[in-house]
Amino acid sequence: MQWINSRDKNKSFIIRRGPRDLSRIFVLHPKETNYFEDPYRNMGRPSITIWEHKETLRRIKEKGLSYYDEA
């Protein structure tokens, strides 16, 4: 995505994601009319829902872990 490193602080992007698949992120540039899909950084991973993600974070916190990674 060409705007990731943009230094223009006056640009405001709308970012959306569906709750059923966090691997797909959609970005709307302020001057565009269509959303652009920006895939998740590692497409080799299975998709995950927002509910699965929240449950995983809850379990990590419950175990008292302070460090975790995607693996």
C-alpha atoms as a PDB file:
ATOM      1  CA  MET A   1       0.000   0.000   0.000  1.00  0.00           C
ATOM      2  CA  GLN A   2       1.612   3.220  -1.175  1.00  0.00           C
ATOM      3  CA  TRP A   3       0.317   5.378   1.699  1.00  0.00           C
ATOM      4  CA  ILE A   4       1.815   3.442   4.615  1.00  0.00           C
ATOM      5  CA  ASN A   5       4.887   5.658   4.948  1.00  0.00           C
ATOM      6  CA  SER A   6       3.131   8.865   3.954  1.00  0.00           C
ATOM      7  CA  ARG A   7       4.303  11.811   6.038  1.00  0.00           C
ATOM      8  CA  ASP A   8       1.289  13.996   5.320  1.00  0.00           C
ATOM      9  CA  LYS A   9      -0.352  14.301   8.741  1.00  0.00           C
ATOM     10  CA  ASN A  10      -3.439  15.972   7.249  1.00  0.00           C
ATOM     11  CA  LYS A  11      -4.610  12.808   5.499  1.00  0.00           C
ATOM     12  CA  SER A  12      -7.215  10.806   7.303  1.00  0.00           C
ATOM     13  CA  PHE A  13      -7.816   7.213   6.244  1.00  0.00           C
ATOM     14  CA  ILE A  14     -10.817   5.066   7.056  1.00  0.00           C
ATOM     15  CA  ILE A  15      -9.825   1.501   7.915  1.00  0.00           C
ATOM     16  CA  ARG A  16     -12.390  -1.281   8.092  1.00  0.00           C
ATOM     17  CA  ARG A  17     -12.324  -4.976   8.833  1.00  0.00           C
ATOM     18  CA  GLY A  18     -15.004  -7.609   9.023  1.00  0.00           C
ATOM     19  CA  PRO A  19     -15.530  -9.350  12.375  1.00  0.00           C
ATOM     20  CA  ARG A  20     -15.608 -12.777  10.716  1.00  0.00           C
ATOM     21  CA  ASP A  21     -12.169 -12.526   9.065  1.00  0.00           C
ATOM     22  CA  LEU A  22      -9.409 -10.346  10.530  1.00  0.00           C
ATOM     23  CA  SER A  23      -7.032 -11.346   7.737  1.00  0.00           C
ATOM     24  CA  ARG A  24      -8.710  -8.871   5.380  1.00  0.00           C
ATOM     25  CA  ILE A  25      -8.349  -5.144   6.022  1.00  0.00           C
ATOM     26  CA  PHE A  26      -9.880  -2.439   3.846  1.00  0.00           C
ATOM     27  CA  VAL A  27      -8.502   1.098   3.559  1.00  0.00           C
ATOM     28  CA  LEU A  28     -10.299   4.136   2.146  1.00  0.00           C
ATOM     29  CA  HIS A  29      -8.101   7.045   1.098  1.00  0.00           C
ATOM     30  CA  PRO A  30      -9.720  10.452   1.790  1.00  0.00           C
ATOM     31  CA  LYS A  31      -9.716  11.318  -1.915  1.00  0.00           C
ATOM     32  CA  GLU A  32     -10.913   7.938  -3.232  1.00  0.00           C
ATOM     33  CA  THR A  33     -14.356   6.360  -3.489  1.00  0.00           C
ATOM     34  CA  ASN A  34     -13.362   2.693  -3.338  1.00  0.00           C
ATOM     35  CA  TYR A  35     -11.826   0.682  -0.545  1.00  0.00           C
ATOM     36  CA  PHE A  36      -8.504  -1.032  -1.196  1.00  0.00           C
ATOM     37  CA  GLU A  37      -7.855  -4.401   0.361  1.00  0.00           C
ATOM     38  CA  ASP A  38      -4.629  -4.677   2.311  1.00  0.00           C
ATOM     39  CA  PRO A  39      -4.056  -8.344   3.149  1.00  0.00           C
ATOM     40  CA  TYR A  40      -2.775  -9.515   6.470  1.00  0.00           C
ATOM     41  CA  ARG A  41       1.003  -9.643   6.737  1.00  0.00           C
ATOM     42  CA  ASN A  42       1.257 -13.430   6.703  1.00  0.00           C
ATOM     43  CA  MET A  43      -1.322 -15.026   4.424  1.00  0.00           C
ATOM     44  CA  GLY A  44      -0.014 -18.471   5.403  1.00  0.00           C
ATOM     45  CA  ARG A  45      -1.846 -18.159   8.705  1.00  0.00           C
ATOM     46  CA  PRO A  46      -5.487 -19.222   8.902  1.00  0.00           C
ATOM     47  CA  SER A  47      -8.073 -16.486   9.178  1.00  0.00           C
ATOM     48  CA  ILE A  48      -9.421 -15.692  12.624  1.00  0.00           C
ATOM     49  CA  THR A  49     -12.608 -14.025  13.812  1.00  0.00           C
ATOM     50  CA  ILE A  50     -12.707 -11.109  16.230  1.00  0.00           C
ATOM     51  CA  TRP A  51     -14.339 -13.399  18.799  1.00  0.00           C
ATOM     52  CA  GLU A  52     -11.536 -15.975  18.520  1.00  0.00           C
ATOM     53  CA  HIS A  53      -8.980 -13.192  18.848  1.00  0.00           C
ATOM     54  CA  LYS A  54     -10.631 -11.774  21.976  1.00  0.00           C
ATOM     55  CA  GLU A  55     -10.891 -15.230  23.548  1.00  0.00           C
ATOM     56  CA  THR A  56      -7.219 -15.888  22.865  1.00  0.00           C
ATOM     57  CA  LEU A  57      -6.231 -12.583  24.470  1.00  0.00           C
ATOM     58  CA  ARG A  58      -8.441 -13.388  27.475  1.00  0.00           C
ATOM     59  CA  ARG A  59      -6.734 -16.761  27.939  1.00  0.00           C
ATOM     60  CA  ILE A  60      -3.282 -15.223  27.629  1.00  0.00           C
ATOM     61  CA  LYS A  61      -4.164 -12.635  30.268  1.00  0.00           C
ATOM     62  CA  GLU A  62      -5.722 -15.327  32.467  1.00  0.00           C
ATOM     63  CA  LYS A  63      -2.445 -17.292  32.396  1.00  0.00           C
ATOM     64  CA  GLY A  64      -0.549 -14.175  33.426  1.00  0.00           C
ATOM     65  CA  LEU A  65       1.605 -14.088  30.308  1.00  0.00           C
ATOM     66  CA  SER A  66       3.099 -10.729  29.497  1.00  0.00           C
ATOM     67  CA  TYR A  67       4.708 -11.681  26.198  1.00  0.00           C
ATOM     68  CA  TYR A  68       3.103 -13.479  23.311  1.00  0.00           C
ATOM     69  CA  ASP A  69       3.502 -13.562  19.570  1.00  0.00           C
ATOM     70  CA  GLU A  70       1.484 -14.747  16.653  1.00  0.00           C
ATOM     71  CA  ALA A  71       3.166 -18.153  16.550  1.00  0.00           C
END
